[in-house]
Amino acid sequence: MVKRIKQEDMAGALEFEGVTKDDPRLQEWLEEHRARNGGKLRIALGGKGVRVIFSKEADMLLWQARSEQAAKRKKSAAS
């Protein structure tokens, strides 16, 4: 018997340090993403947080910009 391995196209992955799968901000982003385009996202546990794997590079860039904005807001609120 031959085992087949499913190959998926992957645009890239982002790891969000200090974020868990149950984080409300992550859940909100996931729901918004699914409502907007229904794209596929895979979530895995990374070394320092949650790793989100994207099938489209545009989605990955959007999430990256969003996380950077959230980090800036968090940093300015702490000051």
N, C-alpha and C. Protein backbone atom coordinates (compact mmCIF):
# COMPACT_ATOMS: atom_id res chain seq x y z
N MET A 1 0.83 -1.17 0.00
CA MET A 1 0.00 0.00 0.00
C MET A 1 0.89 1.25 0.00
N VAL A 2 0.50 2.24 -0.78
CA VAL A 2 1.26 3.48 -0.90
C VAL A 2 0.58 4.56 -0.08
N LYS A 3 1.37 5.20 0.77
CA LYS A 3 0.85 6.31 1.55
C LYS A 3 1.00 7.59 0.75
N ARG A 4 -0.05 8.37 0.71
CA ARG A 4 0.00 9.65 0.02
C ARG A 4 0.09 10.77 1.04
N ILE A 5 0.91 11.70 0.73
CA ILE A 5 1.06 12.86 1.61
C ILE A 5 0.42 14.06 0.90
N LYS A 6 -0.48 14.71 1.60
CA LYS A 6 -1.15 15.87 1.02
C LYS A 6 -0.21 17.07 1.05
N GLN A 7 0.01 17.63 -0.11
CA GLN A 7 0.86 18.80 -0.23
C GLN A 7 -0.02 20.03 -0.37
N GLU A 8 0.23 21.03 0.42
CA GLU A 8 -0.53 22.27 0.35
C GLU A 8 0.39 23.42 -0.01
N ASP A 9 -0.13 24.33 -0.82
CA ASP A 9 0.63 25.54 -1.11
C ASP A 9 0.57 26.45 0.10
N MET A 10 1.71 26.98 0.45
CA MET A 10 1.80 27.81 1.64
C MET A 10 2.49 29.12 1.27
N ALA A 11 1.84 30.23 1.59
CA ALA A 11 2.45 31.53 1.31
C ALA A 11 3.47 31.89 2.39
N GLY A 12 3.22 31.44 3.59
CA GLY A 12 4.13 31.75 4.69
C GLY A 12 3.44 31.60 6.02
N ALA A 13 4.17 31.89 7.06
CA ALA A 13 3.64 31.75 8.42
C ALA A 13 4.11 32.92 9.27
N LEU A 14 3.27 33.29 10.21
CA LEU A 14 3.62 34.31 11.19
C LEU A 14 3.44 33.72 12.57
N GLU A 15 4.36 34.04 13.46
CA GLU A 15 4.24 33.58 14.84
C GLU A 15 3.97 34.79 15.74
N PHE A 16 2.91 34.69 16.52
CA PHE A 16 2.52 35.76 17.42
C PHE A 16 2.96 35.39 18.83
N GLU A 17 4.02 36.03 19.28
CA GLU A 17 4.62 35.73 20.57
C GLU A 17 3.68 36.12 21.71
N GLY A 18 3.53 35.22 22.67
CA GLY A 18 2.73 35.48 23.86
C GLY A 18 1.23 35.36 23.64
N VAL A 19 0.81 34.87 22.48
CA VAL A 19 -0.61 34.73 22.16
C VAL A 19 -0.96 33.25 22.19
N THR A 20 -2.11 32.92 22.79
CA THR A 20 -2.58 31.54 22.80
C THR A 20 -3.71 31.38 21.80
N LYS A 21 -4.09 30.14 21.55
CA LYS A 21 -5.19 29.87 20.62
C LYS A 21 -6.51 30.46 21.10
N ASP A 22 -6.64 30.65 22.40
CA ASP A 22 -7.89 31.15 22.99
C ASP A 22 -7.90 32.66 23.17
N ASP A 23 -6.87 33.34 22.73
CA ASP A 23 -6.79 34.80 22.88
C ASP A 23 -7.95 35.45 22.13
N PRO A 24 -8.71 36.33 22.80
CA PRO A 24 -9.88 36.96 22.16
C PRO A 24 -9.52 37.78 20.93
N ARG A 25 -8.35 38.44 20.95
CA ARG A 25 -7.93 39.24 19.79
C ARG A 25 -7.69 38.33 18.58
N LEU A 26 -7.04 37.18 18.79
CA LEU A 26 -6.80 36.23 17.71
C LEU A 26 -8.11 35.67 17.19
N GLN A 27 -9.03 35.34 18.08
CA GLN A 27 -10.33 34.81 17.66
C GLN A 27 -11.10 35.84 16.83
N GLU A 28 -11.01 37.11 17.23
CA GLU A 28 -11.67 38.18 16.48
C GLU A 28 -11.09 38.29 15.07
N TRP A 29 -9.76 38.24 14.96
CA TRP A 29 -9.11 38.32 13.66
C TRP A 29 -9.49 37.13 12.79
N LEU A 30 -9.57 35.94 13.39
CA LEU A 30 -9.94 34.74 12.63
C LEU A 30 -11.36 34.85 12.08
N GLU A 31 -12.29 35.30 12.92
CA GLU A 31 -13.68 35.45 12.47
C GLU A 31 -13.79 36.49 11.37
N GLU A 32 -13.08 37.60 11.51
CA GLU A 32 -13.10 38.64 10.49
C GLU A 32 -12.52 38.12 9.18
N HIS A 33 -11.45 37.36 9.27
CA HIS A 33 -10.81 36.80 8.08
C HIS A 33 -11.75 35.85 7.36
N ARG A 34 -12.39 34.97 8.10
CA ARG A 34 -13.31 34.00 7.50
C ARG A 34 -14.53 34.68 6.88
N ALA A 35 -15.02 35.74 7.52
CA ALA A 35 -16.17 36.46 6.99
C ALA A 35 -15.81 37.22 5.71
N ARG A 36 -14.59 37.72 5.67
CA ARG A 36 -14.17 38.54 4.54
C ARG A 36 -13.92 37.70 3.29
N ASN A 37 -13.17 36.63 3.43
CA ASN A 37 -12.83 35.87 2.22
C ASN A 37 -12.87 34.36 2.39
N GLY A 38 -13.17 33.87 3.55
CA GLY A 38 -13.28 32.43 3.74
C GLY A 38 -12.00 31.67 3.45
N GLY A 39 -10.90 32.36 3.42
CA GLY A 39 -9.62 31.72 3.11
C GLY A 39 -9.20 30.72 4.17
N LYS A 40 -8.30 29.87 3.77
CA LYS A 40 -7.83 28.84 4.69
C LYS A 40 -6.68 29.37 5.53
N LEU A 41 -6.80 29.16 6.81
CA LEU A 41 -5.73 29.46 7.76
C LEU A 41 -5.51 28.22 8.60
N ARG A 42 -4.28 27.95 8.89
CA ARG A 42 -3.97 26.86 9.80
C ARG A 42 -3.31 27.48 11.01
N ILE A 43 -3.68 26.99 12.17
CA ILE A 43 -3.12 27.50 13.41
C ILE A 43 -2.41 26.36 14.12
N ALA A 44 -1.20 26.64 14.56
CA ALA A 44 -0.41 25.65 15.27
C ALA A 44 0.27 26.32 16.46
N LEU A 45 0.69 25.53 17.38
CA LEU A 45 1.42 26.04 18.53
C LEU A 45 2.88 26.20 18.14
N GLY A 46 3.38 27.44 18.24
CA GLY A 46 4.76 27.72 17.89
C GLY A 46 5.65 27.66 19.12
N GLY A 47 6.88 28.07 18.96
CA GLY A 47 7.84 28.04 20.06
C GLY A 47 7.53 29.03 21.16
N LYS A 48 7.04 30.22 20.79
CA LYS A 48 6.79 31.27 21.79
C LYS A 48 5.35 31.75 21.78
N GLY A 49 4.52 31.17 20.94
CA GLY A 49 3.13 31.59 20.85
C GLY A 49 2.39 30.80 19.79
N VAL A 50 1.46 31.46 19.14
CA VAL A 50 0.66 30.82 18.12
C VAL A 50 1.26 31.11 16.75
N ARG A 51 1.30 30.08 15.91
CA ARG A 51 1.80 30.23 14.54
C ARG A 51 0.59 30.12 13.61
N VAL A 52 0.41 31.11 12.76
CA VAL A 52 -0.68 31.11 11.79
C VAL A 52 -0.05 30.91 10.41
N ILE A 53 -0.54 29.90 9.69
CA ILE A 53 0.00 29.54 8.38
C ILE A 53 -1.01 29.97 7.32
N PHE A 54 -0.54 30.70 6.32
CA PHE A 54 -1.41 31.31 5.31
C PHE A 54 -1.25 30.64 3.95
N SER A 55 -2.36 30.58 3.21
CA SER A 55 -2.30 30.05 1.85
C SER A 55 -2.13 31.17 0.82
N LYS A 56 -2.42 32.42 1.22
CA LYS A 56 -2.26 33.58 0.33
C LYS A 56 -1.32 34.59 0.96
N GLU A 57 -0.40 35.09 0.16
CA GLU A 57 0.57 36.05 0.68
C GLU A 57 -0.10 37.36 1.09
N ALA A 58 -1.14 37.77 0.36
CA ALA A 58 -1.84 39.02 0.70
C ALA A 58 -2.45 38.93 2.10
N ASP A 59 -2.99 37.77 2.44
CA ASP A 59 -3.56 37.59 3.78
C ASP A 59 -2.47 37.69 4.84
N MET A 60 -1.33 37.10 4.55
CA MET A 60 -0.22 37.14 5.50
C MET A 60 0.25 38.58 5.73
N LEU A 61 0.35 39.36 4.67
CA LEU A 61 0.79 40.75 4.79
C LEU A 61 -0.23 41.57 5.57
N LEU A 62 -1.52 41.31 5.37
CA LEU A 62 -2.56 42.02 6.11
C LEU A 62 -2.45 41.72 7.60
N TRP A 63 -2.28 40.45 7.95
CA TRP A 63 -2.16 40.06 9.36
C TRP A 63 -0.89 40.65 9.97
N GLN A 64 0.18 40.70 9.21
CA GLN A 64 1.43 41.25 9.72
C GLN A 64 1.26 42.73 10.03
N ALA A 65 0.63 43.48 9.12
CA ALA A 65 0.39 44.91 9.35
C ALA A 65 -0.52 45.12 10.54
N ARG A 66 -1.54 44.29 10.66
CA ARG A 66 -2.49 44.40 11.77
C ARG A 66 -1.79 44.15 13.10
N SER A 67 -0.92 43.16 13.15
CA SER A 67 -0.23 42.85 14.41
C SER A 67 0.75 43.95 14.79
N GLU A 68 1.38 44.57 13.79
CA GLU A 68 2.30 45.67 14.06
C GLU A 68 1.54 46.88 14.60
N GLN A 69 0.35 47.16 14.05
CA GLN A 69 -0.47 48.27 14.54
C GLN A 69 -0.91 48.01 15.98
N ALA A 70 -1.29 46.77 16.28
CA ALA A 70 -1.72 46.43 17.63
C ALA A 70 -0.57 46.58 18.61
N ALA A 71 0.64 46.21 18.19
CA ALA A 71 1.81 46.34 19.05
C ALA A 71 2.13 47.81 19.31
N LYS A 72 1.97 48.65 18.30
CA LYS A 72 2.22 50.09 18.47
C LYS A 72 1.22 50.69 19.44
N ARG A 73 -0.06 50.30 19.29
CA ARG A 73 -1.09 50.82 20.21
C ARG A 73 -0.81 50.39 21.64
N LYS A 74 -0.41 49.14 21.78
CA LYS A 74 -0.13 48.60 23.11
C LYS A 74 1.06 49.33 23.75
N LYS A 75 2.09 49.61 22.92
CA LYS A 75 3.28 50.29 23.42
C LYS A 75 2.96 51.72 23.79
N SER A 76 2.15 52.43 23.00
CA SER A 76 1.81 53.82 23.30
C SER A 76 0.88 53.92 24.51
N ALA A 77 0.05 52.92 24.74
CA ALA A 77 -0.83 52.91 25.91
C ALA A 77 -0.04 52.68 27.19
N ALA A 78 1.06 51.95 27.10
CA ALA A 78 1.89 51.65 28.26
C ALA A 78 2.75 52.86 28.65
N SER A 79 2.99 53.76 27.71
CA SER A 79 3.84 54.93 27.98
C SER A 79 3.15 55.97 28.78
